[in-house]
Amino acid sequence: MTQVENVLYTGRTHTTGGRDGASRSSDGRLEVKLSSPGTAGGGTNPEQLFAAGWSACFEGAMGLAARKMKIAIPADTAIDAEVDLCNADGAYFLQARLNVSLPGLAREVAQSLVDTAHQTCPYSKATRGNIDVVISLV
C-alpha cells in the first residue's frame, strides 16, 4: 500500500442484507434502502451510489483544476454518470461513462479541465485500468 502522510476523511457505513438490504453511515447522515437493479424494491443500488459518488468527486476535481488555471467553473456545470453492471461468461463487472457539461467554456479549456480531473479524481484513479471508462465533454 501507498505510504500515507495524512488521512483526510474515512467514510464508514454498516450494510446488512446486501443488494436487498440497507446501509447507514456511522454519523447518521446517510441511511439508504437497497434493492437490486430492475426489481420492484423501493431502494437504490450500488451502481447508482457509485455513479453519484464518482460524479460528485469528479466535479470537485474539476473545481481544483479550475482554481489552478485561474478560471471559474460555470454555475450550471453538470455530470451525467452512467455505471453499468455487466455480465459476460458468468462473471460480473462494471463499466462507466461520465458525460460532462461545462457550458460557456471554450472547448479546449473545458477539455483540459476534464482531462486534469480524470488524472486527479480519486474515483478515476481507483477505476483506472480496472474497468472500461469513457469520459465525454458534452
N, C-alpha and C. Protein backbone atom coordinates (compact mmCIF):
# COMPACT_ATOMS: atom_id res chain seq x y z
N MET A 1 0.83 -1.19 0.00
CA MET A 1 0.00 0.00 0.00
C MET A 1 0.87 1.25 0.00
N THR A 2 0.29 2.32 -0.47
CA THR A 2 0.98 3.60 -0.52
C THR A 2 1.18 4.15 0.89
N GLN A 3 2.34 4.72 1.13
CA GLN A 3 2.61 5.37 2.41
C GLN A 3 1.75 6.62 2.50
N VAL A 4 0.95 6.75 3.54
CA VAL A 4 0.02 7.87 3.70
C VAL A 4 0.56 8.83 4.74
N GLU A 5 0.59 10.12 4.39
CA GLU A 5 1.01 11.14 5.34
C GLU A 5 -0.13 11.54 6.26
N ASN A 6 -1.34 11.64 5.68
CA ASN A 6 -2.46 12.17 6.44
C ASN A 6 -3.77 11.64 5.87
N VAL A 7 -4.54 10.94 6.67
CA VAL A 7 -5.88 10.50 6.25
C VAL A 7 -6.81 11.69 6.45
N LEU A 8 -7.41 12.18 5.36
CA LEU A 8 -8.26 13.37 5.43
C LEU A 8 -9.67 13.06 5.91
N TYR A 9 -10.15 11.87 5.59
CA TYR A 9 -11.51 11.51 5.97
C TYR A 9 -11.68 10.01 5.78
N THR A 10 -12.47 9.40 6.64
CA THR A 10 -12.82 7.99 6.48
C THR A 10 -14.33 7.88 6.51
N GLY A 11 -14.91 7.43 5.42
CA GLY A 11 -16.35 7.17 5.37
C GLY A 11 -16.61 5.78 5.94
N ARG A 12 -17.54 5.71 6.86
CA ARG A 12 -17.85 4.42 7.48
C ARG A 12 -19.33 4.13 7.31
N THR A 13 -19.64 2.94 6.81
CA THR A 13 -21.03 2.51 6.68
C THR A 13 -21.19 1.12 7.25
N HIS A 14 -22.41 0.82 7.58
CA HIS A 14 -22.79 -0.52 8.04
C HIS A 14 -23.89 -0.99 7.11
N THR A 15 -23.67 -2.11 6.43
CA THR A 15 -24.63 -2.64 5.46
C THR A 15 -25.07 -4.02 5.89
N THR A 16 -26.37 -4.24 5.78
CA THR A 16 -26.93 -5.57 6.04
C THR A 16 -27.85 -5.92 4.88
N GLY A 17 -27.92 -7.20 4.55
CA GLY A 17 -28.85 -7.66 3.52
C GLY A 17 -28.36 -7.52 2.09
N GLY A 18 -27.13 -7.10 1.89
CA GLY A 18 -26.59 -6.99 0.53
C GLY A 18 -27.39 -6.07 -0.37
N ARG A 19 -27.61 -6.49 -1.62
CA ARG A 19 -28.31 -5.67 -2.59
C ARG A 19 -29.78 -5.44 -2.24
N ASP A 20 -30.32 -6.22 -1.36
CA ASP A 20 -31.72 -6.05 -0.96
C ASP A 20 -31.81 -5.71 0.53
N GLY A 21 -30.89 -4.92 1.00
CA GLY A 21 -30.82 -4.59 2.42
C GLY A 21 -30.86 -3.10 2.67
N ALA A 22 -29.93 -2.65 3.50
CA ALA A 22 -29.86 -1.24 3.87
C ALA A 22 -28.44 -0.90 4.27
N SER A 23 -28.10 0.38 4.10
CA SER A 23 -26.81 0.89 4.55
C SER A 23 -27.04 2.16 5.33
N ARG A 24 -26.20 2.34 6.35
CA ARG A 24 -26.25 3.60 7.08
C ARG A 24 -24.83 3.97 7.47
N SER A 25 -24.60 5.27 7.51
CA SER A 25 -23.27 5.76 7.87
C SER A 25 -23.14 5.86 9.37
N SER A 26 -21.91 5.83 9.84
CA SER A 26 -21.65 5.88 11.28
C SER A 26 -22.07 7.21 11.89
N ASP A 27 -22.10 8.28 11.09
CA ASP A 27 -22.51 9.58 11.61
C ASP A 27 -24.00 9.85 11.45
N GLY A 28 -24.74 8.90 10.86
CA GLY A 28 -26.18 9.05 10.69
C GLY A 28 -26.61 9.95 9.55
N ARG A 29 -25.68 10.46 8.76
CA ARG A 29 -26.04 11.37 7.68
C ARG A 29 -26.56 10.63 6.43
N LEU A 30 -26.26 9.36 6.34
CA LEU A 30 -26.74 8.54 5.22
C LEU A 30 -27.48 7.34 5.77
N GLU A 31 -28.67 7.15 5.30
CA GLU A 31 -29.44 5.96 5.61
C GLU A 31 -30.24 5.63 4.36
N VAL A 32 -29.93 4.50 3.77
CA VAL A 32 -30.50 4.20 2.46
C VAL A 32 -30.94 2.75 2.38
N LYS A 33 -32.13 2.56 1.79
CA LYS A 33 -32.60 1.21 1.49
C LYS A 33 -31.98 0.79 0.16
N LEU A 34 -31.66 -0.47 0.05
CA LEU A 34 -31.06 -1.01 -1.17
C LEU A 34 -32.01 -2.01 -1.81
N SER A 35 -31.98 -2.04 -3.14
CA SER A 35 -32.71 -3.07 -3.87
C SER A 35 -31.96 -3.36 -5.15
N SER A 36 -32.07 -4.57 -5.62
CA SER A 36 -31.37 -4.99 -6.83
C SER A 36 -31.89 -4.23 -8.04
N PRO A 37 -31.00 -3.89 -8.99
CA PRO A 37 -31.44 -3.20 -10.20
C PRO A 37 -32.53 -4.00 -10.92
N GLY A 38 -33.54 -3.29 -11.39
CA GLY A 38 -34.60 -3.93 -12.16
C GLY A 38 -35.67 -4.60 -11.33
N THR A 39 -35.57 -4.53 -10.00
CA THR A 39 -36.60 -5.13 -9.16
C THR A 39 -37.58 -4.05 -8.71
N ALA A 40 -38.66 -4.48 -8.12
CA ALA A 40 -39.69 -3.55 -7.67
C ALA A 40 -39.34 -2.93 -6.32
N GLY A 41 -38.20 -3.26 -5.76
CA GLY A 41 -37.81 -2.72 -4.46
C GLY A 41 -37.76 -1.21 -4.46
N GLY A 42 -37.93 -0.63 -3.30
CA GLY A 42 -38.00 0.83 -3.19
C GLY A 42 -36.68 1.50 -2.90
N GLY A 43 -35.58 0.80 -3.01
CA GLY A 43 -34.30 1.40 -2.67
C GLY A 43 -33.43 1.66 -3.88
N THR A 44 -32.28 2.23 -3.60
CA THR A 44 -31.29 2.47 -4.65
C THR A 44 -30.40 1.23 -4.77
N ASN A 45 -29.36 1.31 -5.58
CA ASN A 45 -28.46 0.17 -5.74
C ASN A 45 -27.01 0.66 -5.76
N PRO A 46 -26.06 -0.25 -5.60
CA PRO A 46 -24.66 0.16 -5.54
C PRO A 46 -24.18 0.90 -6.79
N GLU A 47 -24.72 0.56 -7.95
CA GLU A 47 -24.29 1.23 -9.18
C GLU A 47 -24.70 2.71 -9.16
N GLN A 48 -25.92 2.99 -8.69
CA GLN A 48 -26.36 4.38 -8.58
C GLN A 48 -25.53 5.15 -7.55
N LEU A 49 -25.25 4.51 -6.43
CA LEU A 49 -24.44 5.15 -5.40
C LEU A 49 -23.03 5.44 -5.91
N PHE A 50 -22.47 4.51 -6.64
CA PHE A 50 -21.13 4.70 -7.21
C PHE A 50 -21.14 5.84 -8.23
N ALA A 51 -22.17 5.88 -9.07
CA ALA A 51 -22.28 6.95 -10.07
C ALA A 51 -22.40 8.31 -9.39
N ALA A 52 -23.19 8.41 -8.34
CA ALA A 52 -23.36 9.67 -7.62
C ALA A 52 -22.05 10.11 -6.96
N GLY A 53 -21.38 9.17 -6.29
CA GLY A 53 -20.13 9.50 -5.62
C GLY A 53 -19.05 9.92 -6.59
N TRP A 54 -18.90 9.16 -7.69
CA TRP A 54 -17.86 9.47 -8.66
C TRP A 54 -18.11 10.82 -9.31
N SER A 55 -19.34 11.08 -9.74
CA SER A 55 -19.61 12.35 -10.42
C SER A 55 -19.40 13.54 -9.48
N ALA A 56 -19.77 13.41 -8.21
CA ALA A 56 -19.54 14.50 -7.25
C ALA A 56 -18.05 14.73 -7.04
N CYS A 57 -17.30 13.66 -6.88
CA CYS A 57 -15.86 13.76 -6.70
C CYS A 57 -15.19 14.35 -7.94
N PHE A 58 -15.64 13.92 -9.12
CA PHE A 58 -15.07 14.39 -10.37
C PHE A 58 -15.30 15.89 -10.54
N GLU A 59 -16.50 16.35 -10.18
CA GLU A 59 -16.77 17.79 -10.28
C GLU A 59 -15.87 18.57 -9.31
N GLY A 60 -15.64 18.00 -8.13
CA GLY A 60 -14.71 18.63 -7.20
C GLY A 60 -13.30 18.71 -7.77
N ALA A 61 -12.87 17.66 -8.44
CA ALA A 61 -11.54 17.65 -9.06
C ALA A 61 -11.45 18.68 -10.18
N MET A 62 -12.54 18.87 -10.92
CA MET A 62 -12.55 19.92 -11.95
C MET A 62 -12.44 21.30 -11.30
N GLY A 63 -13.10 21.48 -10.15
CA GLY A 63 -13.02 22.75 -9.44
C GLY A 63 -11.59 23.05 -9.00
N LEU A 64 -10.88 22.05 -8.49
CA LEU A 64 -9.48 22.25 -8.11
C LEU A 64 -8.63 22.62 -9.32
N ALA A 65 -8.86 21.93 -10.43
CA ALA A 65 -8.11 22.23 -11.66
C ALA A 65 -8.41 23.65 -12.13
N ALA A 66 -9.67 24.05 -12.05
CA ALA A 66 -10.06 25.40 -12.50
C ALA A 66 -9.37 26.47 -11.64
N ARG A 67 -9.31 26.25 -10.34
CA ARG A 67 -8.64 27.24 -9.47
C ARG A 67 -7.17 27.36 -9.83
N LYS A 68 -6.53 26.23 -10.12
CA LYS A 68 -5.11 26.28 -10.52
C LYS A 68 -4.93 27.01 -11.85
N MET A 69 -5.93 26.87 -12.74
CA MET A 69 -5.87 27.53 -14.04
C MET A 69 -6.39 28.97 -13.96
N LYS A 70 -6.87 29.37 -12.77
CA LYS A 70 -7.41 30.71 -12.54
C LYS A 70 -8.61 31.02 -13.43
N ILE A 71 -9.50 30.02 -13.55
CA ILE A 71 -10.76 30.21 -14.27
C ILE A 71 -11.90 29.76 -13.37
N ALA A 72 -13.10 30.21 -13.71
CA ALA A 72 -14.28 29.84 -12.92
C ALA A 72 -15.02 28.69 -13.60
N ILE A 73 -15.46 27.76 -12.78
CA ILE A 73 -16.33 26.68 -13.28
C ILE A 73 -17.72 27.29 -13.47
N PRO A 74 -18.39 27.03 -14.59
CA PRO A 74 -19.75 27.55 -14.77
C PRO A 74 -20.69 27.07 -13.67
N ALA A 75 -21.60 27.93 -13.25
CA ALA A 75 -22.56 27.58 -12.19
C ALA A 75 -23.43 26.40 -12.58
N ASP A 76 -23.69 26.23 -13.88
CA ASP A 76 -24.56 25.15 -14.35
C ASP A 76 -23.77 23.94 -14.85
N THR A 77 -22.56 23.77 -14.33
CA THR A 77 -21.77 22.57 -14.62
C THR A 77 -22.56 21.34 -14.16
N ALA A 78 -22.52 20.28 -14.96
CA ALA A 78 -23.24 19.06 -14.60
C ALA A 78 -22.49 17.84 -15.14
N ILE A 79 -22.67 16.74 -14.44
CA ILE A 79 -22.10 15.46 -14.89
C ILE A 79 -23.21 14.43 -14.84
N ASP A 80 -23.46 13.80 -15.96
CA ASP A 80 -24.38 12.66 -16.02
C ASP A 80 -23.51 11.41 -16.02
N ALA A 81 -23.57 10.68 -14.92
CA ALA A 81 -22.75 9.48 -14.77
C ALA A 81 -23.61 8.25 -15.01
N GLU A 82 -23.05 7.29 -15.71
CA GLU A 82 -23.71 6.02 -16.00
C GLU A 82 -22.76 4.90 -15.62
N VAL A 83 -23.21 4.04 -14.71
CA VAL A 83 -22.41 2.88 -14.30
C VAL A 83 -23.22 1.64 -14.65
N ASP A 84 -22.66 0.82 -15.52
CA ASP A 84 -23.33 -0.41 -15.96
C ASP A 84 -22.85 -1.60 -15.15
N LEU A 85 -23.79 -2.41 -14.69
CA LEU A 85 -23.47 -3.72 -14.13
C LEU A 85 -23.59 -4.70 -15.29
N CYS A 86 -22.51 -5.37 -15.62
CA CYS A 86 -22.46 -6.23 -16.81
C CYS A 86 -22.17 -7.67 -16.40
N ASN A 87 -22.43 -8.58 -17.35
CA ASN A 87 -22.14 -9.99 -17.15
C ASN A 87 -21.64 -10.56 -18.46
N ALA A 88 -20.55 -11.27 -18.39
CA ALA A 88 -20.02 -11.98 -19.55
C ALA A 88 -19.41 -13.29 -19.06
N ASP A 89 -19.80 -14.36 -19.67
CA ASP A 89 -19.29 -15.69 -19.30
C ASP A 89 -19.47 -15.98 -17.81
N GLY A 90 -20.58 -15.51 -17.26
CA GLY A 90 -20.90 -15.78 -15.86
C GLY A 90 -20.18 -14.91 -14.86
N ALA A 91 -19.40 -13.94 -15.34
CA ALA A 91 -18.66 -13.05 -14.44
C ALA A 91 -19.25 -11.64 -14.49
N TYR A 92 -19.44 -11.03 -13.33
CA TYR A 92 -19.97 -9.68 -13.26
C TYR A 92 -18.83 -8.67 -13.29
N PHE A 93 -19.09 -7.51 -13.90
CA PHE A 93 -18.11 -6.43 -13.94
C PHE A 93 -18.84 -5.12 -14.20
N LEU A 94 -18.13 -4.03 -14.01
CA LEU A 94 -18.69 -2.70 -14.23
C LEU A 94 -18.03 -2.04 -15.43
N GLN A 95 -18.76 -1.12 -16.03
CA GLN A 95 -18.21 -0.18 -16.99
C GLN A 95 -18.91 1.15 -16.75
N ALA A 96 -18.29 2.24 -17.18
CA ALA A 96 -18.86 3.54 -16.82
C ALA A 96 -18.63 4.59 -17.89
N ARG A 97 -19.53 5.59 -17.85
CA ARG A 97 -19.42 6.76 -18.70
C ARG A 97 -19.72 8.00 -17.85
N LEU A 98 -18.88 9.02 -18.01
CA LEU A 98 -19.15 10.32 -17.41
C LEU A 98 -19.34 11.30 -18.55
N ASN A 99 -20.50 11.92 -18.61
CA ASN A 99 -20.81 12.91 -19.64
C ASN A 99 -20.81 14.27 -18.95
N VAL A 100 -19.79 15.07 -19.25
CA VAL A 100 -19.53 16.31 -18.53
C VAL A 100 -19.99 17.51 -19.36
N SER A 101 -20.77 18.38 -18.72
CA SER A 101 -21.25 19.61 -19.35
C SER A 101 -20.63 20.81 -18.64
N LEU A 102 -19.89 21.60 -19.39
CA LEU A 102 -19.27 22.83 -18.89
C LEU A 102 -19.68 23.98 -19.80
N PRO A 103 -20.95 24.38 -19.75
CA PRO A 103 -21.46 25.39 -20.69
C PRO A 103 -20.77 26.74 -20.54
N GLY A 104 -20.47 27.33 -21.69
CA GLY A 104 -19.87 28.65 -21.70
C GLY A 104 -18.35 28.66 -21.73
N LEU A 105 -17.71 27.52 -21.49
CA LEU A 105 -16.25 27.47 -21.57
C LEU A 105 -15.83 27.07 -22.98
N ALA A 106 -14.73 27.62 -23.42
CA ALA A 106 -14.16 27.21 -24.70
C ALA A 106 -13.87 25.71 -24.64
N ARG A 107 -14.12 25.03 -25.73
CA ARG A 107 -13.99 23.56 -25.73
C ARG A 107 -12.61 23.10 -25.26
N GLU A 108 -11.55 23.76 -25.71
CA GLU A 108 -10.20 23.32 -25.33
C GLU A 108 -9.94 23.55 -23.83
N VAL A 109 -10.49 24.59 -23.26
CA VAL A 109 -10.37 24.84 -21.82
C VAL A 109 -11.15 23.78 -21.05
N ALA A 110 -12.39 23.54 -21.49
CA ALA A 110 -13.24 22.54 -20.84
C ALA A 110 -12.58 21.16 -20.91
N GLN A 111 -12.02 20.81 -22.05
CA GLN A 111 -11.37 19.50 -22.21
C GLN A 111 -10.16 19.39 -21.29
N SER A 112 -9.42 20.47 -21.13
CA SER A 112 -8.28 20.47 -20.23
C SER A 112 -8.72 20.23 -18.79
N LEU A 113 -9.83 20.84 -18.38
CA LEU A 113 -10.37 20.61 -17.03
C LEU A 113 -10.77 19.15 -16.85
N VAL A 114 -11.46 18.59 -17.84
CA VAL A 114 -11.90 17.20 -17.77
C VAL A 114 -10.69 16.26 -17.70
N ASP A 115 -9.71 16.50 -18.55
CA ASP A 115 -8.52 15.64 -18.57
C ASP A 115 -7.76 15.69 -17.25
N THR A 116 -7.61 16.90 -16.70
CA THR A 116 -6.92 17.06 -15.42
C THR A 116 -7.70 16.38 -14.30
N ALA A 117 -9.01 16.58 -14.29
CA ALA A 117 -9.85 15.95 -13.26
C ALA A 117 -9.74 14.44 -13.32
N HIS A 118 -9.71 13.88 -14.51
CA HIS A 118 -9.63 12.43 -14.64
C HIS A 118 -8.30 11.89 -14.11
N GLN A 119 -7.25 12.70 -14.14
CA GLN A 119 -5.96 12.29 -13.61
C GLN A 119 -5.88 12.43 -12.10
N THR A 120 -6.69 13.34 -11.52
CA THR A 120 -6.56 13.62 -10.09
C THR A 120 -7.72 13.11 -9.24
N CYS A 121 -8.88 12.87 -9.81
CA CYS A 121 -10.04 12.40 -9.04
C CYS A 121 -9.75 11.02 -8.44
N PRO A 122 -9.94 10.86 -7.13
CA PRO A 122 -9.67 9.56 -6.51
C PRO A 122 -10.49 8.41 -7.10
N TYR A 123 -11.74 8.66 -7.50
CA TYR A 123 -12.55 7.60 -8.12
C TYR A 123 -11.95 7.21 -9.47
N SER A 124 -11.52 8.20 -10.26
CA SER A 124 -10.90 7.90 -11.55
C SER A 124 -9.62 7.10 -11.35
N LYS A 125 -8.85 7.47 -10.35
CA LYS A 125 -7.62 6.72 -10.06
C LYS A 125 -7.95 5.28 -9.67
N ALA A 126 -8.99 5.10 -8.85
CA ALA A 126 -9.35 3.77 -8.38
C ALA A 126 -9.83 2.86 -9.51
N THR A 127 -10.46 3.45 -10.51
CA THR A 127 -11.01 2.63 -11.60
C THR A 127 -10.04 2.46 -12.76
N ARG A 128 -9.01 3.31 -12.84
CA ARG A 128 -8.09 3.28 -13.98
C ARG A 128 -7.47 1.90 -14.15
N GLY A 129 -7.66 1.34 -15.33
CA GLY A 129 -7.10 0.02 -15.63
C GLY A 129 -7.94 -1.13 -15.09
N ASN A 130 -8.99 -0.82 -14.35
CA ASN A 130 -9.82 -1.86 -13.76
C ASN A 130 -11.16 -2.04 -14.46
N ILE A 131 -11.73 -0.95 -14.97
CA ILE A 131 -12.99 -1.03 -15.71
C ILE A 131 -12.88 -0.13 -16.93
N ASP A 132 -13.72 -0.40 -17.93
CA ASP A 132 -13.78 0.46 -19.10
C ASP A 132 -14.50 1.75 -18.71
N VAL A 133 -13.87 2.89 -19.03
CA VAL A 133 -14.42 4.20 -18.69
C VAL A 133 -14.34 5.08 -19.93
N VAL A 134 -15.44 5.77 -20.22
CA VAL A 134 -15.45 6.77 -21.28
C VAL A 134 -15.88 8.09 -20.64
N ILE A 135 -15.06 9.11 -20.81
CA ILE A 135 -15.41 10.43 -20.31
C ILE A 135 -15.57 11.34 -21.50
N SER A 136 -16.77 11.92 -21.62
CA SER A 136 -17.08 12.76 -22.78
C SER A 136 -17.46 14.16 -22.34
N LEU A 137 -16.99 15.12 -23.08
CA LEU A 137 -17.39 16.50 -22.91
C LEU A 137 -18.60 16.72 -23.80
N VAL A 138 -19.73 17.06 -23.20
CA VAL A 138 -20.97 17.22 -23.99
C VAL A 138 -21.42 18.66 -24.01
